[in-house]
PDB file of N, CA and C in Angstrom:
ATOM      1  N   UNK A   1      -6.926   6.664  10.932  1.00  0.00           N
ATOM      2  CA  UNK A   1      -5.752   5.819  10.526  1.00  0.00           C
ATOM      3  C   UNK A   1      -5.315   6.013   8.820  1.00  0.00           C
ATOM      4  N   UNK A   2      -6.323   5.611   8.127  1.00  0.00           N
ATOM      5  CA  UNK A   2      -6.189   5.975   7.029  1.00  0.00           C
ATOM      6  C   UNK A   2      -5.928   6.852   6.306  1.00  0.00           C
ATOM      7  N   UNK A   3      -6.452   8.304   6.668  1.00  0.00           N
ATOM      8  CA  UNK A   3      -6.240   9.394   6.521  1.00  0.00           C
ATOM      9  C   UNK A   3      -4.650  10.015   6.485  1.00  0.00           C
ATOM     10  N   UNK A   4      -3.663   9.137   6.628  1.00  0.00           N
ATOM     11  CA  UNK A   4      -2.626   9.136   6.334  1.00  0.00           C
ATOM     12  C   UNK A   4      -1.823   8.953   5.441  1.00  0.00           C
ATOM     13  N   UNK A   5      -2.606   7.626   4.509  1.00  0.00           N
ATOM     14  CA  UNK A   5      -2.338   7.151   3.412  1.00  0.00           C
ATOM     15  C   UNK A   5      -2.264   8.329   2.297  1.00  0.00           C
ATOM     16  N   UNK A   6      -1.053   8.398   1.554  1.00  0.00           N
ATOM     17  CA  UNK A   6      -0.957   9.439   0.600  1.00  0.00           C
ATOM     18  C   UNK A   6      -1.303   8.845  -0.482  1.00  0.00           C
ATOM     19  N   UNK A   7      -1.865   9.876  -1.771  1.00  0.00           N
ATOM     20  CA  UNK A   7      -2.020   9.055  -3.374  1.00  0.00           C
ATOM     21  C   UNK A   7      -0.528   9.040  -3.424  1.00  0.00           C
ATOM     22  N   UNK A   8      -0.190   7.632  -4.106  1.00  0.00           N
ATOM     23  CA  UNK A   8       0.765   6.983  -4.709  1.00  0.00           C
ATOM     24  C   UNK A   8       0.860   6.944  -6.222  1.00  0.00           C
ATOM     25  N   UNK A   9       0.152   7.578  -6.936  1.00  0.00           N
ATOM     26  CA  UNK A   9       0.173   7.872  -8.083  1.00  0.00           C
ATOM     27  C   UNK A   9       0.668   8.789  -9.020  1.00  0.00           C
ATOM     28  N   UNK A  10       1.182   9.040  -9.963  1.00  0.00           N
ATOM     29  CA  UNK A  10       1.534  10.238 -10.757  1.00  0.00           C
ATOM     30  C   UNK A  10       0.063  11.365 -10.749  1.00  0.00           C
ATOM     31  N   UNK A  11       0.071  12.419 -11.100  1.00  0.00           N
ATOM     32  CA  UNK A  11       1.138  13.439 -10.742  1.00  0.00           C
ATOM     33  C   UNK A  11       1.130  13.642  -9.537  1.00  0.00           C
ATOM     34  N   UNK A  12       0.532  13.031  -8.502  1.00  0.00           N
ATOM     35  CA  UNK A  12       0.780  13.456  -7.300  1.00  0.00           C
ATOM     36  C   UNK A  12       1.852  13.381  -6.182  1.00  0.00           C
ATOM     37  N   UNK A  13       2.325  11.929  -6.603  1.00  0.00           N
ATOM     38  CA  UNK A  13       3.369  11.370  -6.287  1.00  0.00           C
ATOM     39  C   UNK A  13       4.787  11.463  -7.299  1.00  0.00           C
ATOM     40  N   UNK A  14       5.844  11.789  -7.491  1.00  0.00           N
ATOM     41  CA  UNK A  14       6.728  11.688  -8.784  1.00  0.00           C
ATOM     42  C   UNK A  14       7.338  10.283  -8.511  1.00  0.00           C
ATOM     43  N   UNK A  15       7.924  10.297  -7.168  1.00  0.00           N
ATOM     44  CA  UNK A  15       8.414   8.613  -7.165  1.00  0.00           C
ATOM     45  C   UNK A  15       8.067   7.842  -6.055  1.00  0.00           C
ATOM     46  N   UNK A  16       7.506   6.613  -6.310  1.00  0.00           N
ATOM     47  CA  UNK A  16       7.291   5.927  -5.407  1.00  0.00           C
ATOM     48  C   UNK A  16       7.976   5.183  -4.713  1.00  0.00           C
ATOM     49  N   UNK A  17       8.101   4.770  -3.723  1.00  0.00           N
ATOM     50  CA  UNK A  17       9.236   3.544  -3.357  1.00  0.00           C
ATOM     51  C   UNK A  17       8.513   2.159  -2.831  1.00  0.00           C
ATOM     52  N   UNK A  18       9.307   1.493  -2.302  1.00  0.00           N
ATOM     53  CA  UNK A  18       8.516   0.285  -1.968  1.00  0.00           C
ATOM     54  C   UNK A  18       8.108   0.346  -0.324  1.00  0.00           C
ATOM     55  N   UNK A  19       9.035   1.389   0.148  1.00  0.00           N
ATOM     56  CA  UNK A  19       8.432   1.824   1.076  1.00  0.00           C
ATOM     57  C   UNK A  19       7.341   2.190   1.640  1.00  0.00           C
ATOM     58  N   UNK A  20       6.699   3.289   0.819  1.00  0.00           N
ATOM     59  CA  UNK A  20       5.500   3.783   0.257  1.00  0.00           C
ATOM     60  C   UNK A  20       5.138   2.855   0.223  1.00  0.00           C
ATOM     61  N   UNK A  21       4.559   2.203  -0.497  1.00  0.00           N
ATOM     62  CA  UNK A  21       3.556   1.159  -0.705  1.00  0.00           C
ATOM     63  C   UNK A  21       3.403   0.109   0.440  1.00  0.00           C
ATOM     64  N   UNK A  22       4.413  -0.132   0.966  1.00  0.00           N
ATOM     65  CA  UNK A  22       4.525  -0.979   2.380  1.00  0.00           C
ATOM     66  C   UNK A  22       3.855  -0.093   3.254  1.00  0.00           C
ATOM     67  N   UNK A  23       4.032   1.182   3.752  1.00  0.00           N
ATOM     68  CA  UNK A  23       3.337   1.930   4.382  1.00  0.00           C
ATOM     69  C   UNK A  23       1.466   2.023   4.478  1.00  0.00           C
ATOM     70  N   UNK A  24       1.688   2.399   3.198  1.00  0.00           N
ATOM     71  CA  UNK A  24       0.037   2.494   2.687  1.00  0.00           C
ATOM     72  C   UNK A  24      -0.609   1.143   3.193  1.00  0.00           C
ATOM     73  N   UNK A  25      -0.033   0.038   2.841  1.00  0.00           N
ATOM     74  CA  UNK A  25      -0.884  -1.353   3.004  1.00  0.00           C
ATOM     75  C   UNK A  25      -0.931  -1.521   4.638  1.00  0.00           C
ATOM     76  N   UNK A  26       0.324  -1.273   5.158  1.00  0.00           N
ATOM     77  CA  UNK A  26       0.461  -1.804   6.445  1.00  0.00           C
ATOM     78  C   UNK A  26      -0.915  -0.598   7.026  1.00  0.00           C
ATOM     79  N   UNK A  27      -0.918   0.619   6.910  1.00  0.00           N
ATOM     80  CA  UNK A  27      -2.226   1.437   7.395  1.00  0.00           C
ATOM     81  C   UNK A  27      -3.521   0.968   6.553  1.00  0.00           C
ATOM     82  N   UNK A  28      -3.728   0.208   5.487  1.00  0.00           N
ATOM     83  CA  UNK A  28      -5.010  -0.195   5.651  1.00  0.00           C
ATOM     84  C   UNK A  28      -5.513  -1.634   6.100  1.00  0.00           C
ATOM     85  N   UNK A  29      -4.245  -2.292   6.512  1.00  0.00           N
ATOM     86  CA  UNK A  29      -4.517  -3.680   6.767  1.00  0.00           C
ATOM     87  C   UNK A  29      -4.585  -3.202   8.760  1.00  0.00           C
ATOM     88  N   UNK A  30      -4.084  -2.170   9.090  1.00  0.00           N
ATOM     89  CA  UNK A  30      -4.402  -1.787  10.499  1.00  0.00           C
ATOM     90  C   UNK A  30      -5.587  -1.416  10.813  1.00  0.00           C
ATOM     91  N   UNK A  31      -6.288  -0.468  10.023  1.00  0.00           N
ATOM     92  CA  UNK A  31      -7.453  -0.098   9.995  1.00  0.00           C
ATOM     93  C   UNK A  31      -8.744  -1.024   9.862  1.00  0.00           C
ATOM     94  N   UNK A  32      -8.316  -2.148   8.730  1.00  0.00           N
ATOM     95  CA  UNK A  32      -9.566  -3.289   8.548  1.00  0.00           C
ATOM     96  C   UNK A  32      -9.411  -3.724   9.645  1.00  0.00           C
ATOM     97  N   UNK A  33      -8.017  -4.445  10.684  1.00  0.00           N
ATOM     98  CA  UNK A  33      -8.314  -5.262  11.214  1.00  0.00           C
ATOM     99  C   UNK A  33      -8.454  -4.946  12.612  1.00  0.00           C
ATOM    100  N   UNK A  34      -8.179  -3.597  12.847  1.00  0.00           N
ATOM    101  CA  UNK A  34      -8.619  -3.014  14.097  1.00  0.00           C
ATOM    102  C   UNK A  34      -7.154  -3.200  15.107  1.00  0.00           C
ATOM    103  N   UNK A  35      -6.379  -3.684  14.528  1.00  0.00           N
ATOM    104  CA  UNK A  35      -4.873  -3.758  15.340  1.00  0.00           C
ATOM    105  C   UNK A  35      -3.827  -2.748  14.675  1.00  0.00           C
ATOM    106  N   UNK A  36      -3.450  -1.964  15.905  1.00  0.00           N
ATOM    107  CA  UNK A  36      -2.062  -1.444  15.388  1.00  0.00           C
ATOM    108  C   UNK A  36      -0.817  -2.574  15.280  1.00  0.00           C
ATOM    109  N   UNK A  37      -0.857  -3.452  16.472  1.00  0.00           N
ATOM    110  CA  UNK A  37      -0.032  -4.519  16.025  1.00  0.00           C
ATOM    111  C   UNK A  37      -0.460  -5.568  16.561  1.00  0.00           C
ATOM    112  N   UNK A  38      -0.443  -6.644  15.681  1.00  0.00           N
ATOM    113  CA  UNK A  38      -1.324  -8.007  15.930  1.00  0.00           C
ATOM    114  C   UNK A  38      -0.516  -8.572  17.177  1.00  0.00           C
ATOM    115  N   UNK A  39      -1.522  -9.396  17.886  1.00  0.00           N
ATOM    116  CA  UNK A  39      -0.832 -10.134  18.964  1.00  0.00           C
ATOM    117  C   UNK A  39       0.021 -11.378  18.217  1.00  0.00           C
ATOM    118  N   UNK A  40       0.864 -11.942  19.223  1.00  0.00           N
ATOM    119  CA  UNK A  40       1.720 -12.990  18.248  1.00  0.00           C
ATOM    120  C   UNK A  40       0.733 -14.123  17.471  1.00  0.00           C
ATOM    121  N   UNK A  41      -0.300 -14.577  17.463  1.00  0.00           N
ATOM    122  CA  UNK A  41      -0.816 -15.694  17.320  1.00  0.00           C
ATOM    123  C   UNK A  41      -1.643 -14.744  15.892  1.00  0.00           C
ATOM    124  N   UNK A  42      -1.571 -14.184  15.934  1.00  0.00           N
ATOM    125  CA  UNK A  42      -1.816 -12.995  14.452  1.00  0.00           C
ATOM    126  C   UNK A  42      -1.115 -12.600  13.609  1.00  0.00           C
ATOM    127  N   UNK A  43      -0.194 -12.541  14.376  1.00  0.00           N
ATOM    128  CA  UNK A  43       1.135 -11.655  13.405  1.00  0.00           C
ATOM    129  C   UNK A  43       1.262 -12.594  12.035  1.00  0.00           C
ATOM    130  N   UNK A  44       1.442 -13.295  11.716  1.00  0.00           N
ATOM    131  CA  UNK A  44       1.937 -14.045  10.294  1.00  0.00           C
ATOM    132  C   UNK A  44       0.541 -13.442   9.343  1.00  0.00           C
ATOM    133  N   UNK A  45      -0.556 -14.057   9.634  1.00  0.00           N
ATOM    134  CA  UNK A  45      -1.250 -13.412   9.049  1.00  0.00           C
ATOM    135  C   UNK A  45      -1.660 -12.047   8.953  1.00  0.00           C
ATOM    136  N   UNK A  46      -1.468 -10.981   9.853  1.00  0.00           N
ATOM    137  CA  UNK A  46      -1.130  -9.797   9.555  1.00  0.00           C
ATOM    138  C   UNK A  46      -0.095  -9.121   8.462  1.00  0.00           C
ATOM    139  N   UNK A  47       1.235  -9.726   8.750  1.00  0.00           N
ATOM    140  CA  UNK A  47       2.220  -9.830   7.781  1.00  0.00           C
ATOM    141  C   UNK A  47       1.976 -10.293   6.225  1.00  0.00           C
ATOM    142  N   UNK A  48       1.020 -11.191   6.263  1.00  0.00           N
ATOM    143  CA  UNK A  48       0.851 -11.884   4.749  1.00  0.00           C
ATOM    144  C   UNK A  48       0.017 -11.189   4.127  1.00  0.00           C
ATOM    145  N   UNK A  49      -1.147 -10.165   5.254  1.00  0.00           N
ATOM    146  CA  UNK A  49      -2.114  -9.367   4.506  1.00  0.00           C
ATOM    147  C   UNK A  49      -1.165  -8.086   3.983  1.00  0.00           C
ATOM    148  N   UNK A  50      -0.271  -7.752   4.727  1.00  0.00           N
ATOM    149  CA  UNK A  50       0.794  -6.164   4.415  1.00  0.00           C
ATOM    150  C   UNK A  50       1.135  -6.625   3.281  1.00  0.00           C
ATOM    151  N   UNK A  51       2.072  -7.883   2.928  1.00  0.00           N
ATOM    152  CA  UNK A  51       2.673  -8.463   1.796  1.00  0.00           C
ATOM    153  C   UNK A  51       1.565  -8.329   0.447  1.00  0.00           C
ATOM    154  N   UNK A  52       0.688  -8.887   0.531  1.00  0.00           N
ATOM    155  CA  UNK A  52      -0.285  -9.188  -0.198  1.00  0.00           C
ATOM    156  C   UNK A  52      -0.871  -7.710  -0.629  1.00  0.00           C
ATOM    157  N   UNK A  53      -1.145  -6.993   0.234  1.00  0.00           N
ATOM    158  CA  UNK A  53      -1.669  -5.757  -0.474  1.00  0.00           C
ATOM    159  C   UNK A  53      -0.454  -4.805  -0.933  1.00  0.00           C
ATOM    160  N   UNK A  54       0.552  -4.881  -0.426  1.00  0.00           N
ATOM    161  CA  UNK A  54       1.373  -4.074  -1.047  1.00  0.00           C
ATOM    162  C   UNK A  54       1.459  -4.617  -2.680  1.00  0.00           C
ATOM    163  N   UNK A  55       1.652  -5.985  -2.532  1.00  0.00           N
ATOM    164  CA  UNK A  55       1.987  -6.487  -4.060  1.00  0.00           C
ATOM    165  C   UNK A  55       0.807  -5.816  -5.397  1.00  0.00           C
ATOM    166  N   UNK A  56      -0.470  -6.229  -4.570  1.00  0.00           N
ATOM    167  CA  UNK A  56      -1.150  -5.674  -5.330  1.00  0.00           C
ATOM    168  C   UNK A  56      -1.336  -4.021  -5.605  1.00  0.00           C
ATOM    169  N   UNK A  57      -1.032  -3.231  -4.472  1.00  0.00           N
ATOM    170  CA  UNK A  57      -0.918  -1.757  -4.544  1.00  0.00           C
ATOM    171  C   UNK A  57       0.215  -1.682  -6.020  1.00  0.00           C
ATOM    172  N   UNK A  58       1.551  -2.244  -5.716  1.00  0.00           N
ATOM    173  CA  UNK A  58       2.456  -1.704  -6.821  1.00  0.00           C
ATOM    174  C   UNK A  58       1.627  -2.462  -7.915  1.00  0.00           C
ATOM    175  N   UNK A  59       1.216  -3.297  -8.247  1.00  0.00           N
ATOM    176  CA  UNK A  59       0.529  -3.926  -9.626  1.00  0.00           C
ATOM    177  C   UNK A  59      -0.236  -2.974 -10.104  1.00  0.00           C
ATOM    178  N   UNK A  60      -0.977  -2.347  -9.174  1.00  0.00           N
ATOM    179  CA  UNK A  60      -2.175  -1.309  -9.812  1.00  0.00           C
ATOM    180  C   UNK A  60      -1.388  -0.118 -10.261  1.00  0.00           C
ATOM    181  N   UNK A  61      -0.415   0.406  -9.396  1.00  0.00           N
ATOM    182  CA  UNK A  61       0.420   1.468  -9.776  1.00  0.00           C
ATOM    183  C   UNK A  61       0.833   1.066 -11.023  1.00  0.00           C
ATOM    184  N   UNK A  62       1.763   0.372 -11.260  1.00  0.00           N
ATOM    185  CA  UNK A  62       2.060  -0.226 -12.681  1.00  0.00           C
ATOM    186  C   UNK A  62       1.361  -0.782 -13.792  1.00  0.00           C
ATOM    187  N   UNK A  63       0.355  -0.873 -13.670  1.00  0.00           N
ATOM    188  CA  UNK A  63      -0.768  -0.750 -14.517  1.00  0.00           C
ATOM    189  C   UNK A  63      -1.526   0.777 -14.999  1.00  0.00           C
ATOM    190  N   UNK A  64      -1.522   1.426 -13.954  1.00  0.00           N
ATOM    191  CA  UNK A  64      -2.152   2.832 -14.370  1.00  0.00           C
ATOM    192  C   UNK A  64      -1.880   3.704 -15.510  1.00  0.00           C
ATOM    193  N   UNK A  65      -2.498   4.319 -16.307  1.00  0.00           N
ATOM    194  CA  UNK A  65      -2.254   5.280 -17.398  1.00  0.00           C
ATOM    195  C   UNK A  65      -2.542   6.279 -16.812  1.00  0.00           C
ATOM    196  N   UNK A  66      -1.519   7.338 -17.118  1.00  0.00           N
ATOM    197  CA  UNK A  66      -2.119   9.084 -16.572  1.00  0.00           C
ATOM    198  C   UNK A  66      -1.816   9.706 -17.799  1.00  0.00           C
ATOM    199  N   UNK A  67      -2.485  10.139 -17.871  1.00  0.00           N
ATOM    200  CA  UNK A  67      -2.839  11.267 -19.278  1.00  0.00           C
ATOM    201  C   UNK A  67      -2.890  10.764 -20.353  1.00  0.00           C
ATOM    202  N   UNK A  68      -2.879   9.410 -20.654  1.00  0.00           N
ATOM    203  CA  UNK A  68      -2.643   8.787 -21.870  1.00  0.00           C
ATOM    204  C   UNK A  68      -1.421   8.066 -22.077  1.00  0.00           C
ATOM    205  N   UNK A  69      -0.721   8.054 -21.002  1.00  0.00           N
ATOM    206  CA  UNK A  69       0.702   7.457 -20.799  1.00  0.00           C
ATOM    207  C   UNK A  69       0.943   6.288 -19.389  1.00  0.00           C
ATOM    208  N   UNK A  70       1.584   5.499 -19.689  1.00  0.00           N
ATOM    209  CA  UNK A  70       1.913   4.425 -18.523  1.00  0.00           C
ATOM    210  C   UNK A  70       2.538   5.388 -17.412  1.00  0.00           C
ATOM    211  N   UNK A  71       2.133   5.017 -16.355  1.00  0.00           N
ATOM    212  CA  UNK A  71       2.467   5.809 -15.093  1.00  0.00           C
ATOM    213  C   UNK A  71       3.947   5.165 -14.755  1.00  0.00           C
ATOM    214  N   UNK A  72       4.803   5.682 -14.375  1.00  0.00           N
ATOM    215  CA  UNK A  72       6.313   4.978 -13.909  1.00  0.00           C
ATOM    216  C   UNK A  72       6.228   4.787 -12.481  1.00  0.00           C
ATOM    217  N   UNK A  73       6.693   3.517 -12.328  1.00  0.00           N
ATOM    218  CA  UNK A  73       6.993   3.076 -10.698  1.00  0.00           C
ATOM    219  C   UNK A  73       8.281   3.310 -10.325  1.00  0.00           C
TER     220      UNK A  73
END
């Protein structure tokens, strides 16, 4: 599952969309939880985890410096 997560930083990916970040977060949560889609009683926790990881991922990408320059997001 996580093999499909692509590298999201420059120079590997020129433009990273919100959809790219969310897709990576979703794949990570699916792998960690063991659920492709959660049961209804776990849906809120699943979605919260995806949103939290997507935000952390974007924060990381925004702070990375590539070859001495700040990475563009």
